[in-house]
Protein backbone atom coordinates (compact mmCIF):
# COMPACT_ATOMS: atom_id res chain seq x y z
CA LEU A 1 -0.01 -0.01 -0.14
CA GLU A 2 1.18 3.59 -0.61
CA VAL A 3 0.04 4.69 2.81
CA ASP A 4 0.34 2.17 5.77
CA ILE A 5 -3.04 1.30 7.14
CA PRO A 6 -2.99 -0.10 10.75
CA GLY A 7 -4.05 -3.69 10.97
CA ILE A 8 -3.34 -4.51 7.18
CA LEU A 9 -0.04 -6.27 6.78
CA SER A 10 -0.06 -6.88 3.06
CA VAL A 11 -2.24 -6.98 0.02
CA HIS A 12 -1.89 -9.85 -2.54
CA GLN A 13 -3.52 -9.70 -5.93
CA PRO A 14 -3.14 -13.13 -7.76
CA LEU A 15 -4.22 -11.85 -11.23
CA PRO A 16 -3.86 -8.46 -12.82
CA THR A 17 -7.30 -7.01 -13.36
CA ILE A 18 -9.01 -3.84 -14.74
CA GLU A 19 -12.52 -3.27 -13.39
CA GLY A 20 -12.65 -6.98 -12.37
CA ARG A 21 -11.62 -8.24 -15.77
CA LEU A 22 -8.38 -9.90 -16.78
CA GLU A 23 -5.79 -7.86 -18.67
CA GLU A 24 -6.54 -7.89 -22.36
CA ASP A 25 -4.06 -8.80 -25.00
CA GLN A 26 -3.16 -6.74 -28.05
CA MET A 27 -5.80 -8.44 -30.30
CA GLU A 28 -8.57 -7.84 -27.79
CA PHE A 29 -7.45 -4.21 -27.34
CA ASN A 30 -7.45 -3.61 -31.17
CA LEU A 31 -10.98 -5.13 -31.38
CA ARG A 32 -12.33 -3.08 -28.52
CA VAL A 33 -10.95 0.13 -29.90
CA SER A 34 -12.09 -0.49 -33.45
CA GLU A 35 -15.62 -1.11 -32.01
CA ILE A 36 -15.55 2.04 -30.04
CA LEU A 37 -14.38 3.99 -33.12
CA ARG A 38 -17.31 2.54 -35.03
CA HIS A 39 -20.05 3.25 -32.72
CA LYS A 40 -18.52 6.07 -30.67
CA ASN A 41 -20.43 4.87 -27.56
CA ARG A 42 -23.77 5.61 -29.15
CA ALA A 43 -26.20 2.66 -29.80
CA ILE A 44 -27.61 3.43 -33.24
CA THR A 45 -27.77 0.19 -35.12
CA ASN A 46 -28.71 -3.30 -33.93
CA TRP A 47 -25.00 -4.25 -34.34
CA ASP A 48 -24.03 -1.33 -31.98
CA ILE A 49 -26.57 -2.44 -29.34
CA GLU A 50 -25.42 -6.09 -29.41
CA LYS A 51 -21.70 -5.38 -29.26
CA MET A 52 -21.99 -2.65 -26.57
CA LEU A 53 -24.08 -4.95 -24.27
CA LEU A 54 -21.66 -7.88 -24.73
CA ARG A 55 -18.76 -5.64 -23.86
CA LYS A 56 -20.48 -4.01 -20.86
CA PHE A 57 -21.89 -7.07 -19.32
CA ASP A 58 -19.53 -9.97 -19.13
CA TRP A 59 -22.25 -12.29 -17.87
CA LEU A 60 -24.03 -12.25 -21.24
CA SER A 61 -23.16 -14.83 -23.92
CA VAL A 62 -25.53 -13.84 -26.77
CA VAL A 63 -27.40 -10.63 -27.49
CA LYS A 64 -29.83 -10.27 -30.47
CA SER A 65 -31.39 -6.92 -31.25
CA PHE A 66 -34.53 -6.72 -33.41
CA GLY A 67 -35.70 -3.49 -35.12
CA HIS A 68 -38.63 -2.79 -37.24
CA LEU A 69 -36.92 -3.61 -40.58
CA GLY A 70 -37.21 -7.26 -41.32
CA TYR A 71 -39.46 -7.95 -38.38
CA GLU A 72 -42.45 -5.82 -39.29
CA SER A 73 -45.02 -8.24 -37.98
CA HIS A 74 -43.44 -8.46 -34.56
CA VAL A 75 -41.79 -5.03 -33.95
CA ARG A 76 -43.51 -1.58 -34.32
CA PRO A 77 -41.67 1.29 -35.99
CA GLY A 78 -39.45 3.15 -33.38
CA GLN A 79 -39.29 -0.03 -31.28
CA ILE A 80 -36.21 -2.14 -30.51
CA VAL A 81 -36.63 -5.55 -28.92
CA VAL A 82 -33.46 -6.95 -27.34
CA ALA A 83 -33.15 -10.74 -26.28
CA ALA A 84 -30.21 -11.95 -24.41
CA LEU A 85 -28.86 -15.26 -23.00
CA PRO A 86 -26.75 -15.37 -19.93
CA LYS A 87 -23.47 -17.37 -19.88
CA ILE A 88 -24.08 -20.97 -18.89
CA ASN A 89 -22.24 -23.11 -16.40
CA PRO A 90 -21.09 -26.04 -18.36
CA SER A 91 -21.69 -28.38 -15.45
CA ALA A 92 -25.37 -27.20 -15.02
CA VAL A 93 -28.17 -29.50 -15.56
CA PHE A 94 -30.48 -29.04 -18.60
CA TYR A 95 -32.51 -25.83 -18.33
CA GLN A 96 -33.62 -22.86 -20.31
CA PRO A 97 -31.12 -20.01 -19.81
CA LEU A 98 -33.00 -16.88 -18.77
CA LEU A 99 -32.11 -13.51 -17.35
CA ASN A 100 -33.46 -12.56 -13.94
CA PRO A 101 -35.45 -9.41 -13.59
CA GLY A 102 -32.53 -7.52 -11.99
CA GLU A 103 -30.32 -8.32 -15.02
CA VAL A 104 -33.11 -7.22 -17.43
CA GLN A 105 -33.41 -3.92 -15.52
CA LYS A 106 -29.58 -3.39 -15.62
CA ILE A 107 -29.62 -3.89 -19.39
CA GLU A 108 -32.61 -1.52 -19.89
CA ASN A 109 -31.02 1.18 -17.75
CA TYR A 110 -27.75 0.98 -19.73
CA LEU A 111 -29.53 1.06 -22.99
CA LYS A 112 -31.32 4.28 -21.89
CA GLU A 113 -27.97 5.91 -21.33
CA ILE A 114 -26.46 4.97 -24.68
CA ALA A 115 -29.44 4.92 -27.09
CA THR A 116 -31.59 7.75 -28.47
CA PRO A 117 -34.33 8.75 -26.17
CA PHE A 118 -36.87 8.46 -29.14
CA ALA A 119 -36.51 4.63 -29.33
CA ASP A 120 -38.79 2.36 -27.37
CA ILE A 121 -36.40 -0.28 -26.13
CA THR A 122 -37.70 -3.49 -24.52
CA VAL A 123 -35.45 -6.20 -23.10
CA ARG A 124 -36.90 -9.69 -23.06
CA ASN A 125 -35.81 -13.23 -22.33
CA PRO A 126 -35.89 -15.57 -25.34
CA THR A 127 -38.96 -17.71 -25.85
CA TYR A 128 -38.40 -21.46 -25.87
CA GLU A 129 -40.51 -23.95 -27.60
CA TYR A 130 -40.73 -27.60 -26.67
CA ILE A 131 -40.45 -29.92 -29.65
CA TRP A 132 -41.34 -33.58 -29.95
CA ILE A 133 -39.06 -35.51 -32.32
CA LYS A 134 -40.84 -38.59 -33.72
CA CYS A 135 -38.75 -40.57 -36.16
CA LYS A 136 -37.53 -43.97 -37.20
CA VAL A 137 -33.91 -44.71 -37.07
CA ARG A 138 -32.22 -47.69 -38.69
CA LEU A 139 -28.82 -48.34 -37.15
CA ASN A 140 -26.07 -50.29 -38.84
CA SER A 141 -24.07 -50.68 -35.79
CA LYS A 142 -23.75 -53.52 -33.21
CA GLU A 143 -23.39 -51.12 -30.36
CA ILE A 144 -26.99 -49.83 -30.39
CA GLY A 145 -26.80 -48.21 -26.94
CA THR A 146 -23.74 -46.18 -27.60
CA THR A 147 -25.08 -45.12 -31.08
CA LEU A 148 -28.43 -43.96 -29.55
CA LYS A 149 -26.59 -41.95 -26.87
CA LEU A 150 -24.50 -40.26 -29.58
CA LEU A 151 -27.65 -39.51 -31.72
CA PHE A 152 -29.31 -37.97 -28.64
CA LYS A 153 -26.15 -35.96 -27.89
CA ASP A 154 -25.95 -34.67 -31.51
CA LEU A 155 -29.72 -33.77 -31.57
CA LEU A 156 -29.29 -31.86 -28.30
CA GLU A 157 -26.28 -29.94 -29.60
CA TYR A 158 -28.12 -29.09 -32.81
CA LEU A 159 -31.34 -27.93 -31.10
CA CYS A 160 -29.69 -26.39 -28.05
CA PRO A 161 -26.48 -24.76 -29.34
CA TRP A 162 -25.84 -22.87 -26.06
CA PHE A 163 -24.93 -26.15 -24.40
CA ASN A 164 -22.24 -27.19 -26.85
CA GLY A 165 -20.15 -23.98 -26.54
CA HIS A 166 -21.68 -22.18 -29.56
CA PRO A 167 -24.13 -19.76 -27.97
CA GLU A 168 -23.75 -17.34 -30.92
CA THR A 169 -25.92 -19.59 -33.07
CA ALA A 170 -28.66 -19.89 -30.39
CA MET A 171 -30.91 -17.26 -31.82
CA ASP A 172 -30.25 -17.53 -35.51
CA GLY A 173 -31.20 -21.11 -36.29
CA GLN A 174 -34.37 -22.71 -37.66
CA VAL A 175 -35.74 -26.19 -37.46
CA VAL A 176 -37.97 -27.14 -40.38
CA LYS A 177 -40.40 -30.02 -40.32
CA ARG A 178 -39.95 -32.43 -43.14
CA SER A 179 -42.11 -35.36 -44.01
């Protein structure tokens, strides 16, 4: 310590941090600076909103922003709907990742600071749909149990990408029913 404080013998910091984050390397620095130069700390486009939220809140894994263009049937003109997924503990049991109300409020407050006051911004949790897979499978393997476990694992990774370490595809995919 610069000034001795009675009762404190020493201070040990095991990792160098800035605002509770690990020190960034040169590539992360260049990426952060180029993003700031692009949006200038103003959330104007959907891309700006997504990148600024991911940079601000390290507990988010995916942010998807929806404006009126392209989503006319779901979003009014002047409205922006933001959906976000929290980071998932890999050892967690199967669940639907959702933000708690406090996290939603933090995101909304931050967006009010950086976005235009004329935009109606709403932060929501994603909507999940349960699906029932009914199919016939013909296996050419003698190890039927192992093959079925592998099939189940592959289906789960395809339908729930946030569990296989690819959360960025969680809100962009489609599943199409085929006969």
